[in-house]
Amino acid sequence: MNTGETISTHPRRSLELLASRVKQERVRMGFRLKDLCELSGVKFSSLRKFEKTGLISMEKFYLILTALGRHHEIDLLAQPPEIISLDQLNQPKRVRGKRGGIK
């Protein structure tokens, strides 16, 4: 797999790529699946399925990243966008209309 590959717009492919990156990190650190199971508390079958399909709960994903010392990266996902200029601050915010249409 190309390690420089980026996340795609296809959810399944993106999950598979994340799983591949996690597996590469596990192997790089010298952990067997069994080792990562013991460190993370995630069942062997769940971890094996994750590495093959990319499917896993967020909680288990967090436990795996914590065991690999990479849990801090999750925080980066939830960061608000940086403001680049004062013009962005002055842009009007979108106002949503009320439901129910015009009466």
PDB file of N, CA and C in Angstrom:
ATOM      1  N   MET A   1       0.839  -1.188   0.000  1.00  0.00           N
ATOM      2  CA  MET A   1       0.000   0.000   0.000  1.00  0.00           C
ATOM      3  C   MET A   1       0.874   1.238   0.000  1.00  0.00           C
ATOM      4  N   ASN A   2       0.441   2.232  -0.719  1.00  0.00           N
ATOM      5  CA  ASN A   2       1.141   3.496  -0.791  1.00  0.00           C
ATOM      6  C   ASN A   2       0.954   4.236   0.537  1.00  0.00           C
ATOM      7  N   THR A   3       2.033   4.445   1.281  1.00  0.00           N
ATOM      8  CA  THR A   3       1.913   5.084   2.588  1.00  0.00           C
ATOM      9  C   THR A   3       1.610   6.566   2.475  1.00  0.00           C
ATOM     10  N   GLY A   4       1.809   7.147   1.286  1.00  0.00           N
ATOM     11  CA  GLY A   4       1.515   8.549   1.084  1.00  0.00           C
ATOM     12  C   GLY A   4       0.086   8.787   0.641  1.00  0.00           C
ATOM     13  N   GLU A   5      -0.700   7.736   0.581  1.00  0.00           N
ATOM     14  CA  GLU A   5      -2.087   7.854   0.136  1.00  0.00           C
ATOM     15  C   GLU A   5      -2.878   8.702   1.121  1.00  0.00           C
ATOM     16  N   THR A   6      -3.797   9.484   0.589  1.00  0.00           N
ATOM     17  CA  THR A   6      -4.594  10.356   1.450  1.00  0.00           C
ATOM     18  C   THR A   6      -6.004   9.808   1.619  1.00  0.00           C
ATOM     19  N   ILE A   7      -6.673  10.307   2.631  1.00  0.00           N
ATOM     20  CA  ILE A   7      -8.045   9.912   2.907  1.00  0.00           C
ATOM     21  C   ILE A   7      -8.910  10.333   1.727  1.00  0.00           C
ATOM     22  N   SER A   8      -9.781   9.446   1.306  1.00  0.00           N
ATOM     23  CA  SER A   8     -10.622   9.720   0.139  1.00  0.00           C
ATOM     24  C   SER A   8     -12.009  10.186   0.564  1.00  0.00           C
ATOM     25  N   THR A   9     -12.830  10.460  -0.414  1.00  0.00           N
ATOM     26  CA  THR A   9     -14.204  10.863  -0.128  1.00  0.00           C
ATOM     27  C   THR A   9     -15.105   9.654   0.050  1.00  0.00           C
ATOM     28  N   HIS A  10     -14.580   8.465  -0.145  1.00  0.00           N
ATOM     29  CA  HIS A  10     -15.353   7.241   0.035  1.00  0.00           C
ATOM     30  C   HIS A  10     -15.130   6.727   1.462  1.00  0.00           C
ATOM     31  N   PRO A  11     -16.167   6.719   2.281  1.00  0.00           N
ATOM     32  CA  PRO A  11     -16.005   6.342   3.692  1.00  0.00           C
ATOM     33  C   PRO A  11     -15.323   4.997   3.899  1.00  0.00           C
ATOM     34  N   ARG A  12     -15.734   3.980   3.168  1.00  0.00           N
ATOM     35  CA  ARG A  12     -15.154   2.646   3.368  1.00  0.00           C
ATOM     36  C   ARG A  12     -13.661   2.660   3.069  1.00  0.00           C
ATOM     37  N   ARG A  13     -13.274   3.307   1.988  1.00  0.00           N
ATOM     38  CA  ARG A  13     -11.857   3.367   1.614  1.00  0.00           C
ATOM     39  C   ARG A  13     -11.064   4.145   2.657  1.00  0.00           C
ATOM     40  N   SER A  14     -11.648   5.201   3.181  1.00  0.00           N
ATOM     41  CA  SER A  14     -10.976   5.990   4.215  1.00  0.00           C
ATOM     42  C   SER A  14     -10.753   5.176   5.480  1.00  0.00           C
ATOM     43  N   LEU A  15     -11.750   4.381   5.868  1.00  0.00           N
ATOM     44  CA  LEU A  15     -11.615   3.532   7.055  1.00  0.00           C
ATOM     45  C   LEU A  15     -10.544   2.469   6.843  1.00  0.00           C
ATOM     46  N   GLU A  16     -10.502   1.893   5.652  1.00  0.00           N
ATOM     47  CA  GLU A  16      -9.476   0.895   5.346  1.00  0.00           C
ATOM     48  C   GLU A  16      -8.083   1.517   5.407  1.00  0.00           C
ATOM     49  N   LEU A  17      -7.960   2.734   4.926  1.00  0.00           N
ATOM     50  CA  LEU A  17      -6.664   3.417   4.958  1.00  0.00           C
ATOM     51  C   LEU A  17      -6.233   3.716   6.389  1.00  0.00           C
ATOM     52  N   LEU A  18      -7.171   4.170   7.230  1.00  0.00           N
ATOM     53  CA  LEU A  18      -6.844   4.407   8.638  1.00  0.00           C
ATOM     54  C   LEU A  18      -6.392   3.114   9.314  1.00  0.00           C
ATOM     55  N   ALA A  19      -7.103   2.022   9.035  1.00  0.00           N
ATOM     56  CA  ALA A  19      -6.739   0.735   9.620  1.00  0.00           C
ATOM     57  C   ALA A  19      -5.349   0.311   9.161  1.00  0.00           C
ATOM     58  N   SER A  20      -5.044   0.547   7.906  1.00  0.00           N
ATOM     59  CA  SER A  20      -3.731   0.206   7.380  1.00  0.00           C
ATOM     60  C   SER A  20      -2.633   1.016   8.073  1.00  0.00           C
ATOM     61  N   ARG A  21      -2.905   2.280   8.315  1.00  0.00           N
ATOM     62  CA  ARG A  21      -1.934   3.130   9.009  1.00  0.00           C
ATOM     63  C   ARG A  21      -1.714   2.654  10.442  1.00  0.00           C
ATOM     64  N   VAL A  22      -2.792   2.264  11.107  1.00  0.00           N
ATOM     65  CA  VAL A  22      -2.673   1.764  12.473  1.00  0.00           C
ATOM     66  C   VAL A  22      -1.867   0.464  12.479  1.00  0.00           C
ATOM     67  N   LYS A  23      -2.128  -0.414  11.519  1.00  0.00           N
ATOM     68  CA  LYS A  23      -1.381  -1.671  11.433  1.00  0.00           C
ATOM     69  C   LYS A  23       0.102  -1.400  11.173  1.00  0.00           C
ATOM     70  N   GLN A  24       0.393  -0.467  10.279  1.00  0.00           N
ATOM     71  CA  GLN A  24       1.788  -0.119  10.004  1.00  0.00           C
ATOM     72  C   GLN A  24       2.488   0.385  11.265  1.00  0.00           C
ATOM     73  N   GLU A  25       1.772   1.180  12.050  1.00  0.00           N
ATOM     74  CA  GLU A  25       2.344   1.686  13.301  1.00  0.00           C
ATOM     75  C   GLU A  25       2.568   0.544  14.291  1.00  0.00           C
ATOM     76  N   ARG A  26       1.612  -0.368  14.370  1.00  0.00           N
ATOM     77  CA  ARG A  26       1.759  -1.527  15.263  1.00  0.00           C
ATOM     78  C   ARG A  26       2.993  -2.332  14.885  1.00  0.00           C
ATOM     79  N   VAL A  27       3.140  -2.611  13.606  1.00  0.00           N
ATOM     80  CA  VAL A  27       4.284  -3.397  13.122  1.00  0.00           C
ATOM     81  C   VAL A  27       5.588  -2.626  13.338  1.00  0.00           C
ATOM     82  N   ARG A  28       5.561  -1.323  13.063  1.00  0.00           N
ATOM     83  CA  ARG A  28       6.755  -0.488  13.255  1.00  0.00           C
ATOM     84  C   ARG A  28       7.235  -0.532  14.706  1.00  0.00           C
ATOM     85  N   MET A  29       6.270  -0.589  15.632  1.00  0.00           N
ATOM     86  CA  MET A  29       6.614  -0.618  17.052  1.00  0.00           C
ATOM     87  C   MET A  29       6.984  -2.025  17.537  1.00  0.00           C
ATOM     88  N   GLY A  30       6.842  -3.007  16.651  1.00  0.00           N
ATOM     89  CA  GLY A  30       7.224  -4.371  17.003  1.00  0.00           C
ATOM     90  C   GLY A  30       6.164  -5.147  17.767  1.00  0.00           C
ATOM     91  N   PHE A  31       4.916  -4.704  17.696  1.00  0.00           N
ATOM     92  CA  PHE A  31       3.834  -5.383  18.401  1.00  0.00           C
ATOM     93  C   PHE A  31       3.161  -6.412  17.502  1.00  0.00           C
ATOM     94  N   ARG A  32       2.876  -7.565  18.065  1.00  0.00           N
ATOM     95  CA  ARG A  32       2.005  -8.539  17.412  1.00  0.00           C
ATOM     96  C   ARG A  32       0.566  -8.126  17.733  1.00  0.00           C
ATOM     97  N   LEU A  33      -0.379  -8.698  17.005  1.00  0.00           N
ATOM     98  CA  LEU A  33      -1.787  -8.420  17.312  1.00  0.00           C
ATOM     99  C   LEU A  33      -2.086  -8.717  18.774  1.00  0.00           C
ATOM    100  N   LYS A  34      -1.573  -9.846  19.248  1.00  0.00           N
ATOM    101  CA  LYS A  34      -1.807 -10.250  20.635  1.00  0.00           C
ATOM    102  C   LYS A  34      -1.264  -9.203  21.608  1.00  0.00           C
ATOM    103  N   ASP A  35      -0.099  -8.651  21.300  1.00  0.00           N
ATOM    104  CA  ASP A  35       0.487  -7.617  22.160  1.00  0.00           C
ATOM    105  C   ASP A  35      -0.412  -6.387  22.237  1.00  0.00           C
ATOM    106  N   LEU A  36      -0.902  -5.965  21.076  1.00  0.00           N
ATOM    107  CA  LEU A  36      -1.754  -4.779  21.044  1.00  0.00           C
ATOM    108  C   LEU A  36      -3.083  -5.044  21.752  1.00  0.00           C
ATOM    109  N   CYS A  37      -3.577  -6.263  21.653  1.00  0.00           N
ATOM    110  CA  CYS A  37      -4.803  -6.625  22.377  1.00  0.00           C
ATOM    111  C   CYS A  37      -4.607  -6.464  23.879  1.00  0.00           C
ATOM    112  N   GLU A  38      -3.489  -6.970  24.351  1.00  0.00           N
ATOM    113  CA  GLU A  38      -3.209  -6.890  25.789  1.00  0.00           C
ATOM    114  C   GLU A  38      -3.006  -5.448  26.239  1.00  0.00           C
ATOM    115  N   LEU A  39      -2.320  -4.650  25.422  1.00  0.00           N
ATOM    116  CA  LEU A  39      -2.068  -3.257  25.785  1.00  0.00           C
ATOM    117  C   LEU A  39      -3.325  -2.392  25.733  1.00  0.00           C
ATOM    118  N   SER A  40      -4.179  -2.673  24.767  1.00  0.00           N
ATOM    119  CA  SER A  40      -5.347  -1.818  24.547  1.00  0.00           C
ATOM    120  C   SER A  40      -6.609  -2.301  25.253  1.00  0.00           C
ATOM    121  N   GLY A  41      -6.683  -3.599  25.534  1.00  0.00           N
ATOM    122  CA  GLY A  41      -7.898  -4.155  26.101  1.00  0.00           C
ATOM    123  C   GLY A  41      -8.952  -4.476  25.050  1.00  0.00           C
ATOM    124  N   VAL A  42      -8.584  -4.370  23.774  1.00  0.00           N
ATOM    125  CA  VAL A  42      -9.503  -4.677  22.672  1.00  0.00           C
ATOM    126  C   VAL A  42      -9.339  -6.156  22.322  1.00  0.00           C
ATOM    127  N   LYS A  43     -10.457  -6.849  22.140  1.00  0.00           N
ATOM    128  CA  LYS A  43     -10.419  -8.275  21.828  1.00  0.00           C
ATOM    129  C   LYS A  43      -9.676  -8.535  20.521  1.00  0.00           C
ATOM    130  N   PHE A  44      -9.010  -9.687  20.466  1.00  0.00           N
ATOM    131  CA  PHE A  44      -8.241 -10.086  19.294  1.00  0.00           C
ATOM    132  C   PHE A  44      -9.106 -10.070  18.041  1.00  0.00           C
ATOM    133  N   SER A  45     -10.304 -10.627  18.122  1.00  0.00           N
ATOM    134  CA  SER A  45     -11.178 -10.697  16.943  1.00  0.00           C
ATOM    135  C   SER A  45     -11.572  -9.306  16.454  1.00  0.00           C
ATOM    136  N   SER A  46     -11.798  -8.379  17.375  1.00  0.00           N
ATOM    137  CA  SER A  46     -12.150  -7.006  16.991  1.00  0.00           C
ATOM    138  C   SER A  46     -10.979  -6.311  16.309  1.00  0.00           C
ATOM    139  N   LEU A  47      -9.792  -6.524  16.849  1.00  0.00           N
ATOM    140  CA  LEU A  47      -8.603  -5.902  16.282  1.00  0.00           C
ATOM    141  C   LEU A  47      -8.289  -6.477  14.899  1.00  0.00           C
ATOM    142  N   ARG A  48      -8.416  -7.776  14.758  1.00  0.00           N
ATOM    143  CA  ARG A  48      -8.168  -8.418  13.462  1.00  0.00           C
ATOM    144  C   ARG A  48      -9.175  -7.923  12.423  1.00  0.00           C
ATOM    145  N   LYS A  49     -10.445  -7.831  12.814  1.00  0.00           N
ATOM    146  CA  LYS A  49     -11.476  -7.327  11.902  1.00  0.00           C
ATOM    147  C   LYS A  49     -11.183  -5.878  11.521  1.00  0.00           C
ATOM    148  N   PHE A  50     -10.768  -5.082  12.489  1.00  0.00           N
ATOM    149  CA  PHE A  50     -10.437  -3.684  12.213  1.00  0.00           C
ATOM    150  C   PHE A  50      -9.312  -3.575  11.188  1.00  0.00           C
ATOM    151  N   GLU A  51      -8.266  -4.355  11.366  1.00  0.00           N
ATOM    152  CA  GLU A  51      -7.140  -4.276  10.434  1.00  0.00           C
ATOM    153  C   GLU A  51      -7.520  -4.732   9.032  1.00  0.00           C
ATOM    154  N   LYS A  52      -8.504  -5.604   8.927  1.00  0.00           N
ATOM    155  CA  LYS A  52      -8.932  -6.089   7.601  1.00  0.00           C
ATOM    156  C   LYS A  52      -9.961  -5.180   6.948  1.00  0.00           C
ATOM    157  N   THR A  53     -10.861  -4.594   7.742  1.00  0.00           N
ATOM    158  CA  THR A  53     -12.003  -3.867   7.178  1.00  0.00           C
ATOM    159  C   THR A  53     -12.040  -2.377   7.516  1.00  0.00           C
ATOM    160  N   GLY A  54     -11.368  -1.996   8.585  1.00  0.00           N
ATOM    161  CA  GLY A  54     -11.436  -0.615   9.040  1.00  0.00           C
ATOM    162  C   GLY A  54     -12.631  -0.344   9.942  1.00  0.00           C
ATOM    163  N   LEU A  55     -13.427  -1.370  10.226  1.00  0.00           N
ATOM    164  CA  LEU A  55     -14.631  -1.189  11.031  1.00  0.00           C
ATOM    165  C   LEU A  55     -14.340  -1.469  12.504  1.00  0.00           C
ATOM    166  N   ILE A  56     -14.676  -0.493  13.352  1.00  0.00           N
ATOM    167  CA  ILE A  56     -14.479  -0.627  14.803  1.00  0.00           C
ATOM    168  C   ILE A  56     -15.198   0.538  15.471  1.00  0.00           C
ATOM    169  N   SER A  57     -15.547   0.392  16.725  1.00  0.00           N
ATOM    170  CA  SER A  57     -16.197   1.497  17.440  1.00  0.00           C
ATOM    171  C   SER A  57     -15.167   2.590  17.732  1.00  0.00           C
ATOM    172  N   MET A  58     -15.650   3.797  17.916  1.00  0.00           N
ATOM    173  CA  MET A  58     -14.759   4.911  18.245  1.00  0.00           C
ATOM    174  C   MET A  58     -14.032   4.658  19.565  1.00  0.00           C
ATOM    175  N   GLU A  59     -14.739   4.057  20.518  1.00  0.00           N
ATOM    176  CA  GLU A  59     -14.119   3.782  21.814  1.00  0.00           C
ATOM    177  C   GLU A  59     -12.936   2.831  21.661  1.00  0.00           C
ATOM    178  N   LYS A  60     -13.128   1.761  20.900  1.00  0.00           N
ATOM    179  CA  LYS A  60     -12.035   0.804  20.695  1.00  0.00           C
ATOM    180  C   LYS A  60     -10.915   1.432  19.877  1.00  0.00           C
ATOM    181  N   PHE A  61     -11.269   2.255  18.905  1.00  0.00           N
ATOM    182  CA  PHE A  61     -10.261   2.953  18.109  1.00  0.00           C
ATOM    183  C   PHE A  61      -9.400   3.827  19.013  1.00  0.00           C
ATOM    184  N   TYR A  62     -10.050   4.527  19.938  1.00  0.00           N
ATOM    185  CA  TYR A  62      -9.322   5.369  20.883  1.00  0.00           C
ATOM    186  C   TYR A  62      -8.398   4.531  21.768  1.00  0.00           C
ATOM    187  N   LEU A  63      -8.887   3.380  22.232  1.00  0.00           N
ATOM    188  CA  LEU A  63      -8.061   2.498  23.066  1.00  0.00           C
ATOM    189  C   LEU A  63      -6.828   2.010  22.303  1.00  0.00           C
ATOM    190  N   ILE A  64      -7.007   1.688  21.039  1.00  0.00           N
ATOM    191  CA  ILE A  64      -5.888   1.235  20.209  1.00  0.00           C
ATOM    192  C   ILE A  64      -4.867   2.358  20.032  1.00  0.00           C
ATOM    193  N   LEU A  65      -5.359   3.554  19.699  1.00  0.00           N
ATOM    194  CA  LEU A  65      -4.442   4.683  19.532  1.00  0.00           C
ATOM    195  C   LEU A  65      -3.719   5.008  20.833  1.00  0.00           C
ATOM    196  N   THR A  66      -4.413   4.880  21.959  1.00  0.00           N
ATOM    197  CA  THR A  66      -3.783   5.124  23.258  1.00  0.00           C
ATOM    198  C   THR A  66      -2.656   4.127  23.491  1.00  0.00           C
ATOM    199  N   ALA A  67      -2.904   2.855  23.189  1.00  0.00           N
ATOM    200  CA  ALA A  67      -1.878   1.828  23.370  1.00  0.00           C
ATOM    201  C   ALA A  67      -0.661   2.085  22.480  1.00  0.00           C
ATOM    202  N   LEU A  68      -0.892   2.705  21.326  1.00  0.00           N
ATOM    203  CA  LEU A  68       0.209   3.017  20.407  1.00  0.00           C
ATOM    204  C   LEU A  68       0.830   4.390  20.677  1.00  0.00           C
ATOM    205  N   GLY A  69       0.309   5.082  21.705  1.00  0.00           N
ATOM    206  CA  GLY A  69       0.836   6.403  22.045  1.00  0.00           C
ATOM    207  C   GLY A  69       0.428   7.479  21.057  1.00  0.00           C
ATOM    208  N   ARG A  70      -0.684   7.300  20.361  1.00  0.00           N
ATOM    209  CA  ARG A  70      -1.100   8.248  19.326  1.00  0.00           C
ATOM    210  C   ARG A  70      -2.473   8.863  19.619  1.00  0.00           C
ATOM    211  N   HIS A  71      -3.006   8.683  20.836  1.00  0.00           N
ATOM    212  CA  HIS A  71      -4.348   9.169  21.156  1.00  0.00           C
ATOM    213  C   HIS A  71      -4.480  10.688  21.068  1.00  0.00           C
ATOM    214  N   HIS A  72      -3.396  11.405  21.267  1.00  0.00           N
ATOM    215  CA  HIS A  72      -3.444  12.865  21.208  1.00  0.00           C
ATOM    216  C   HIS A  72      -3.838  13.362  19.814  1.00  0.00           C
ATOM    217  N   GLU A  73      -3.642  12.525  18.799  1.00  0.00           N
ATOM    218  CA  GLU A  73      -3.973  12.933  17.431  1.00  0.00           C
ATOM    219  C   GLU A  73      -5.485  13.052  17.211  1.00  0.00           C
ATOM    220  N   ILE A  74      -6.279  12.352  18.025  1.00  0.00           N
ATOM    221  CA  ILE A  74      -7.739  12.454  17.901  1.00  0.00           C
ATOM    222  C   ILE A  74      -8.179  13.883  18.205  1.00  0.00           C
ATOM    223  N   ASP A  75      -7.515  14.517  19.151  1.00  0.00           N
ATOM    224  CA  ASP A  75      -7.868  15.890  19.512  1.00  0.00           C
ATOM    225  C   ASP A  75      -7.708  16.827  18.325  1.00  0.00           C
ATOM    226  N   LEU A  76      -6.774  16.536  17.451  1.00  0.00           N
ATOM    227  CA  LEU A  76      -6.550  17.381  16.282  1.00  0.00           C
ATOM    228  C   LEU A  76      -7.743  17.363  15.334  1.00  0.00           C
ATOM    229  N   LEU A  77      -8.497  16.268  15.341  1.00  0.00           N
ATOM    230  CA  LEU A  77      -9.645  16.149  14.449  1.00  0.00           C
ATOM    231  C   LEU A  77     -10.776  17.099  14.832  1.00  0.00           C
ATOM    232  N   ALA A  78     -10.892  17.416  16.097  1.00  0.00           N
ATOM    233  CA  ALA A  78     -12.027  18.203  16.576  1.00  0.00           C
ATOM    234  C   ALA A  78     -11.709  19.689  16.734  1.00  0.00           C
ATOM    235  N   GLN A  79     -10.570  20.113  16.263  1.00  0.00           N
ATOM    236  CA  GLN A  79     -10.184  21.513  16.403  1.00  0.00           C
ATOM    237  C   GLN A  79     -10.981  22.396  15.450  1.00  0.00           C
ATOM    238  N   PRO A  80     -11.388  23.573  15.918  1.00  0.00           N
ATOM    239  CA  PRO A  80     -12.067  24.498  15.000  1.00  0.00           C
ATOM    240  C   PRO A  80     -11.065  24.999  13.958  1.00  0.00           C
ATOM    241  N   PRO A  81     -11.567  25.424  12.803  1.00  0.00           N
ATOM    242  CA  PRO A  81     -10.647  25.913  11.774  1.00  0.00           C
ATOM    243  C   PRO A  81      -9.955  27.186  12.229  1.00  0.00           C
ATOM    244  N   GLU A  82      -8.739  27.365  11.757  1.00  0.00           N
ATOM    245  CA  GLU A  82      -8.005  28.577  12.086  1.00  0.00           C
ATOM    246  C   GLU A  82      -8.579  29.746  11.297  1.00  0.00           C
ATOM    247  N   ILE A  83      -8.574  30.910  11.931  1.00  0.00           N
ATOM    248  CA  ILE A  83      -9.021  32.119  11.241  1.00  0.00           C
ATOM    249  C   ILE A  83      -7.796  32.697  10.547  1.00  0.00           C
ATOM    250  N   ILE A  84      -7.911  32.874   9.265  1.00  0.00           N
ATOM    251  CA  ILE A  84      -6.773  33.314   8.477  1.00  0.00           C
ATOM    252  C   ILE A  84      -6.687  34.840   8.425  1.00  0.00           C
ATOM    253  N   SER A  85      -7.822  35.514   8.396  1.00  0.00           N
ATOM    254  CA  SER A  85      -7.794  36.968   8.277  1.00  0.00           C
ATOM    255  C   SER A  85      -8.950  37.593   9.069  1.00  0.00           C
ATOM    256  N   LEU A  86      -8.867  38.904   9.245  1.00  0.00           N
ATOM    257  CA  LEU A  86      -9.950  39.640   9.908  1.00  0.00           C
ATOM    258  C   LEU A  86     -11.217  39.604   9.072  1.00  0.00           C
ATOM    259  N   ASP A  87     -11.072  39.497   7.761  1.00  0.00           N
ATOM    260  CA  ASP A  87     -12.248  39.416   6.893  1.00  0.00           C
ATOM    261  C   ASP A  87     -13.103  38.207   7.246  1.00  0.00           C
ATOM    262  N   GLN A  88     -12.468  37.123   7.610  1.00  0.00           N
ATOM    263  CA  GLN A  88     -13.224  35.932   7.989  1.00  0.00           C
ATOM    264  C   GLN A  88     -14.033  36.178   9.253  1.00  0.00           C
ATOM    265  N   LEU A  89     -13.509  36.970  10.168  1.00  0.00           N
ATOM    266  CA  LEU A  89     -14.238  37.291  11.390  1.00  0.00           C
ATOM    267  C   LEU A  89     -15.476  38.121  11.091  1.00  0.00           C
ATOM    268  N   ASN A  90     -15.392  38.953  10.089  1.00  0.00           N
ATOM    269  CA  ASN A  90     -16.478  39.866   9.753  1.00  0.00           C
ATOM    270  C   ASN A  90     -17.521  39.254   8.833  1.00  0.00           C
ATOM    271  N   GLN A  91     -17.292  38.042   8.344  1.00  0.00           N
ATOM    272  CA  GLN A  91     -18.271  37.409   7.466  1.00  0.00           C
ATOM    273  C   GLN A  91     -19.533  37.088   8.257  1.00  0.00           C
ATOM    274  N   PRO A  92     -20.703  37.406   7.685  1.00  0.00           N
ATOM    275  CA  PRO A  92     -21.951  37.109   8.401  1.00  0.00           C
ATOM    276  C   PRO A  92     -22.144  35.600   8.543  1.00  0.00           C
ATOM    277  N   LYS A  93     -22.707  35.220   9.671  1.00  0.00           N
ATOM    278  CA  LYS A  93     -22.989  33.804   9.896  1.00  0.00           C
ATOM    279  C   LYS A  93     -24.301  33.450   9.228  1.00  0.00           C
ATOM    280  N   ARG A  94     -24.398  32.230   8.787  1.00  0.00           N
ATOM    281  CA  ARG A  94     -25.598  31.743   8.121  1.00  0.00           C
ATOM    282  C   ARG A  94     -26.746  31.675   9.125  1.00  0.00           C
ATOM    283  N   VAL A  95     -27.885  32.208   8.751  1.00  0.00           N
ATOM    284  CA  VAL A  95     -29.066  32.176   9.602  1.00  0.00           C
ATOM    285  C   VAL A  95     -30.065  31.227   8.961  1.00  0.00           C
ATOM    286  N   ARG A  96     -30.478  30.253   9.690  1.00  0.00           N
ATOM    287  CA  ARG A  96     -31.428  29.283   9.173  1.00  0.00           C
ATOM    288  C   ARG A  96     -32.851  29.771   9.398  1.00  0.00           C
ATOM    289  N   GLY A  97     -33.699  29.462   8.431  1.00  0.00           N
ATOM    290  CA  GLY A  97     -35.107  29.811   8.556  1.00  0.00           C
ATOM    291  C   GLY A  97     -35.826  28.838   9.470  1.00  0.00           C
ATOM    292  N   LYS A  98     -37.032  29.230   9.876  1.00  0.00           N
ATOM    293  CA  LYS A  98     -37.840  28.368  10.726  1.00  0.00           C
ATOM    294  C   LYS A  98     -38.526  27.310   9.880  1.00  0.00           C
ATOM    295  N   ARG A  99     -38.756  26.166  10.455  1.00  0.00           N
ATOM    296  CA  ARG A  99     -39.473  25.100   9.743  1.00  0.00           C
ATOM    297  C   ARG A  99     -40.950  25.432   9.645  1.00  0.00           C
ATOM    298  N   GLY A 100     -41.566  24.847   8.666  1.00  0.00           N
ATOM    299  CA  GLY A 100     -42.995  25.024   8.528  1.00  0.00           C
ATOM    300  C   GLY A 100     -43.373  25.906   7.362  1.00  0.00           C
ATOM    301  N   GLY A 101     -42.395  26.546   6.772  1.00  0.00           N
ATOM    302  CA  GLY A 101     -42.681  27.344   5.589  1.00  0.00           C
ATOM    303  C   GLY A 101     -43.363  28.662   5.914  1.00  0.00           C
ATOM    304  N   ILE A 102     -43.839  29.307   4.868  1.00  0.00           N
ATOM    305  CA  ILE A 102     -44.481  30.623   4.993  1.00  0.00           C
ATOM    306  C   ILE A 102     -45.955  30.421   5.327  1.00  0.00           C
ATOM    307  N   LYS A 103     -46.476  31.234   6.237  1.00  0.00           N
ATOM    308  CA  LYS A 103     -47.897  31.152   6.626  1.00  0.00           C
ATOM    309  C   LYS A 103     -48.638  32.338   6.132  1.00  0.00           C
TER     310      LYS A 103
END
